[in-house]
Protein backbone atom coordinates (compact mmCIF):
# COMPACT_ATOMS: atom_id res chain seq x y z
CA MET A 1 0.01 -0.10 0.15
CA THR A 2 1.30 3.42 -0.96
CA ILE A 3 0.49 4.96 2.32
CA ASP A 4 2.36 2.39 4.16
CA ASN A 5 5.37 3.12 2.17
CA GLN A 6 4.96 6.95 2.97
CA ILE A 7 5.00 5.90 6.81
CA ARG A 8 8.12 3.86 6.41
CA GLY A 9 9.67 6.79 4.38
CA LEU A 10 9.30 9.12 7.14
CA VAL A 11 10.52 7.06 9.88
CA VAL A 12 13.34 5.59 7.97
CA VAL A 13 15.20 8.93 8.39
CA PHE A 14 15.37 8.52 12.03
CA GLY A 15 17.07 4.82 11.60
CA VAL A 16 14.06 3.03 12.46
CA ARG A 17 12.84 -0.21 10.13
CA LEU A 18 9.28 -0.98 10.81
CA PRO A 19 7.67 -4.52 11.11
CA ARG A 20 5.41 -5.85 8.53
CA ALA A 21 2.41 -3.49 8.20
CA LEU A 22 -0.28 -6.10 9.03
CA SER A 23 1.55 -6.54 12.32
CA PRO A 24 -0.02 -4.47 15.33
CA ALA A 25 3.37 -3.21 16.09
CA PHE A 26 3.59 -1.35 12.77
CA LYS A 27 1.65 1.75 14.08
CA ASP A 28 3.17 1.52 17.59
CA ALA A 29 6.80 1.54 16.36
CA ALA A 30 6.05 4.52 13.92
CA LEU A 31 4.32 6.56 16.39
CA LYS A 32 6.98 6.08 19.06
CA VAL A 33 9.47 7.53 16.70
CA SER A 34 7.63 10.84 16.51
CA ASP A 35 7.43 11.28 19.81
CA GLY A 36 8.46 14.80 20.80
CA VAL A 37 8.22 15.69 17.03
CA PRO A 38 5.17 18.03 16.45
CA GLY A 39 5.15 18.01 12.53
CA LEU A 40 6.22 14.32 12.16
CA HIS A 41 3.47 13.08 14.81
CA ALA A 42 0.75 14.98 12.84
CA ALA A 43 1.76 13.99 9.42
CA LEU A 44 1.81 10.39 10.73
CA ARG A 45 -1.31 10.50 12.91
CA GLY A 46 -2.98 11.62 9.44
CA LEU A 47 -1.51 8.96 7.36
CA PHE A 48 -2.60 6.31 9.97
CA ALA A 49 -6.33 7.58 9.77
CA ALA A 50 -6.29 7.64 5.99
CA ARG A 51 -4.80 4.05 6.15
CA GLU A 52 -7.49 2.76 8.63
CA ALA A 53 -10.27 4.17 6.23
CA ILE A 54 -8.98 2.48 3.40
CA LEU A 55 -8.70 -0.96 5.29
CA THR A 56 -12.11 -0.51 6.42
CA ALA A 57 -13.49 0.32 2.94
CA VAL A 58 -11.56 -2.69 1.65
CA THR A 59 -12.66 -5.04 4.33
CA ALA A 60 -16.35 -3.97 3.44
CA ILE A 61 -15.85 -4.38 -0.28
CA ASP A 62 -14.21 -8.01 0.36
CA SER A 63 -17.47 -8.90 2.28
CA ASP A 64 -19.61 -7.80 -0.28
CA ILE A 65 -17.70 -9.53 -2.87
CA LYS A 66 -17.64 -12.72 -0.99
CA ALA A 67 -21.62 -12.24 -0.54
CA MET A 68 -21.93 -12.01 -4.38
CA THR A 69 -20.15 -15.00 -5.14
CA ARG A 70 -22.02 -16.99 -2.42
CA LYS A 71 -25.18 -16.06 -4.45
CA SER A 72 -23.71 -16.82 -7.66
CA LYS A 73 -24.00 -20.58 -8.70
CA THR A 74 -21.56 -19.67 -11.70
CA CYS A 75 -19.02 -18.02 -9.42
CA SER A 76 -19.12 -20.71 -6.93
CA ARG A 77 -18.45 -23.24 -9.48
CA LEU A 78 -15.55 -21.47 -11.00
CA MET A 79 -14.01 -21.12 -7.69
CA THR A 80 -13.51 -24.96 -7.40
CA VAL A 81 -10.49 -24.35 -9.60
CA PRO A 82 -7.45 -24.25 -7.58
CA GLY A 83 -5.98 -20.48 -7.68
CA VAL A 84 -9.49 -18.88 -8.43
CA GLY A 85 -10.99 -16.80 -6.05
CA PRO A 86 -13.91 -14.75 -5.66
CA ILE A 87 -12.50 -11.46 -7.61
CA THR A 88 -11.23 -13.66 -10.40
CA ALA A 89 -14.64 -15.65 -10.60
CA LEU A 90 -16.78 -12.45 -10.65
CA ALA A 91 -14.42 -10.73 -13.19
CA PHE A 92 -14.37 -13.80 -15.62
CA ALA A 93 -18.13 -14.34 -15.22
CA ALA A 94 -18.78 -10.97 -15.96
CA ALA A 95 -16.39 -10.70 -19.05
CA ILE A 96 -17.78 -14.08 -20.80
CA ASP A 97 -21.16 -13.23 -19.77
CA ASP A 98 -23.01 -15.68 -22.06
CA PRO A 99 -20.79 -18.45 -22.77
CA THR A 100 -22.83 -19.59 -25.74
CA ARG A 101 -21.37 -16.87 -27.60
CA PHE A 102 -18.09 -18.53 -28.02
CA ARG A 103 -18.38 -21.36 -30.44
CA ARG A 104 -15.34 -23.13 -28.92
CA SER A 105 -13.81 -22.80 -25.40
CA ARG A 106 -10.33 -22.47 -26.87
CA ASP A 107 -11.84 -19.00 -28.69
CA VAL A 108 -11.74 -17.19 -25.10
CA GLY A 109 -7.79 -17.00 -25.06
CA PRO A 110 -7.87 -14.72 -28.26
CA TYR A 111 -10.78 -12.91 -26.74
CA LEU A 112 -8.66 -12.15 -23.27
CA GLY A 113 -5.34 -11.27 -25.57
CA LEU A 114 -3.86 -14.77 -23.97
CA VAL A 115 -2.30 -15.85 -27.66
CA PRO A 116 0.97 -15.10 -29.13
CA LYS A 117 1.18 -12.79 -31.95
CA ARG A 118 1.97 -13.84 -35.16
CA HIS A 119 4.71 -12.03 -37.36
CA GLN A 120 4.70 -12.76 -41.02
CA SER A 121 6.43 -10.89 -43.63
CA GLY A 122 7.88 -12.51 -46.76
CA GLU A 123 9.79 -15.25 -45.71
CA VAL A 124 9.71 -14.24 -41.91
CA ASP A 125 7.16 -16.22 -39.83
CA TYR A 126 7.68 -16.39 -36.06
CA THR A 127 5.58 -16.08 -32.96
CA GLY A 128 6.00 -13.34 -30.54
CA SER A 129 4.59 -12.38 -27.15
CA ILE A 130 0.86 -12.35 -26.19
CA SER A 131 -1.49 -10.23 -28.06
CA LYS A 132 -2.44 -8.53 -24.64
CA ARG A 133 -5.86 -7.67 -26.30
CA GLY A 134 -9.26 -7.75 -24.53
CA ASP A 135 -9.77 -7.21 -21.04
CA LEU A 136 -6.60 -6.40 -19.17
CA ARG A 137 -7.97 -6.87 -15.78
CA VAL A 138 -9.31 -10.44 -16.22
CA ARG A 139 -6.12 -11.36 -18.21
CA THR A 140 -4.18 -10.21 -15.03
CA LEU A 141 -6.10 -11.94 -12.60
CA LEU A 142 -5.95 -15.23 -14.62
CA TYR A 143 -2.02 -14.91 -14.77
CA GLU A 144 -2.49 -14.52 -10.87
CA ALA A 145 -4.62 -17.47 -10.46
CA ALA A 146 -2.01 -19.54 -12.78
CA ASN A 147 0.80 -18.05 -10.33
CA VAL A 148 -0.96 -19.41 -7.16
CA MET A 149 -1.74 -22.85 -8.84
CA LEU A 150 1.85 -23.22 -9.54
CA THR A 151 3.25 -21.85 -6.43
CA ARG A 152 0.88 -22.76 -3.63
CA TYR A 153 -1.47 -25.48 -4.54
CA ALA A 154 0.39 -28.73 -2.99
CA ALA A 155 -1.89 -31.28 -4.00
CA PRO A 156 -0.99 -33.33 -7.22
CA LEU A 157 -2.58 -31.89 -10.19
CA LYS A 158 -2.00 -32.74 -13.95
CA LEU A 159 -2.61 -28.97 -15.08
CA LYS A 160 -0.24 -27.77 -12.74
CA SER A 161 2.59 -30.47 -13.89
CA TRP A 162 1.74 -29.59 -17.51
CA ALA A 163 2.74 -25.94 -17.01
CA LEU A 164 5.75 -26.88 -14.94
CA ALA A 165 7.05 -28.97 -17.86
CA ILE A 166 6.62 -25.78 -19.94
CA GLY A 167 8.72 -23.70 -17.50
CA GLN A 168 11.47 -26.23 -17.64
CA ARG A 169 11.75 -26.39 -21.33
CA SER A 170 11.20 -22.46 -21.36
CA THR A 171 10.71 -20.03 -18.79
CA MET A 172 8.17 -19.52 -16.02
CA ARG A 173 6.85 -16.44 -17.25
CA LYS A 174 5.85 -18.58 -20.14
CA ALA A 175 4.35 -21.31 -18.24
CA ARG A 176 2.24 -19.06 -16.14
CA VAL A 177 0.71 -17.39 -19.34
CA ALA A 178 0.15 -21.02 -21.05
CA LEU A 179 -1.74 -21.81 -17.69
CA ALA A 180 -3.66 -18.62 -17.62
CA ARG A 181 -4.71 -19.37 -21.40
CA ARG A 182 -5.90 -22.99 -20.25
CA LEU A 183 -7.61 -21.74 -17.08
CA ALA A 184 -9.83 -19.18 -19.44
CA ILE A 185 -10.44 -22.49 -21.68
CA ILE A 186 -11.56 -24.52 -18.82
CA LEU A 187 -13.22 -21.90 -17.22
CA HIS A 188 -15.56 -21.33 -20.07
CA ALA A 189 -16.34 -24.76 -20.51
CA MET A 190 -17.35 -25.11 -16.73
CA MET A 191 -19.58 -22.06 -17.38
CA ARG A 192 -20.93 -23.56 -20.56
CA ASP A 193 -21.84 -27.06 -19.34
CA GLN A 194 -22.33 -26.10 -15.59
CA THR A 195 -20.03 -28.42 -14.25
CA ASP A 196 -17.24 -28.36 -11.50
CA PHE A 197 -13.46 -28.52 -11.68
CA GLN A 198 -12.36 -32.26 -11.76
CA ALA A 199 -9.06 -32.27 -10.31
CA VAL A 200 -7.02 -35.00 -11.96
């Protein structure tokens, strides 16, 4: 959070490194440094007031998002995929809207800009980076979901093993992009067929 960095920047001048921002000691340690320094104390108080207001708003929004996903059968179904949380499920469902408008599930990859660009000119023909067309937010969320599956999901999963094999042959960035594209295909099929994710 930007405010946390501003607070750290103010106190680091005094040679103090603060603990993790979510730790209760974060605020106490910062305000302790400002004791006896009126201008600094007032600035930190203002920053902490703004920080608490933002955190309260984030908590309320998070609660609303969770309530929306609980009411949506589609979102609850999409969240059976490892790495797909409430925000990703809501964003993907909103972006796709009616799954029948895509003739094939693999058409979703190009729609979200998750397919490589093709460069052709005379005898030159090569594949570049992804097109990045379509909904940037959904593409980013799918990439993050892929990263979560690759780094935090511990149970055996063929989909994860497939992506890791790509990472070994190429780079982990390409593995995450490939997995994000595969997740888009799977999520669309789940919406279309109204089925839960089958972990194999």
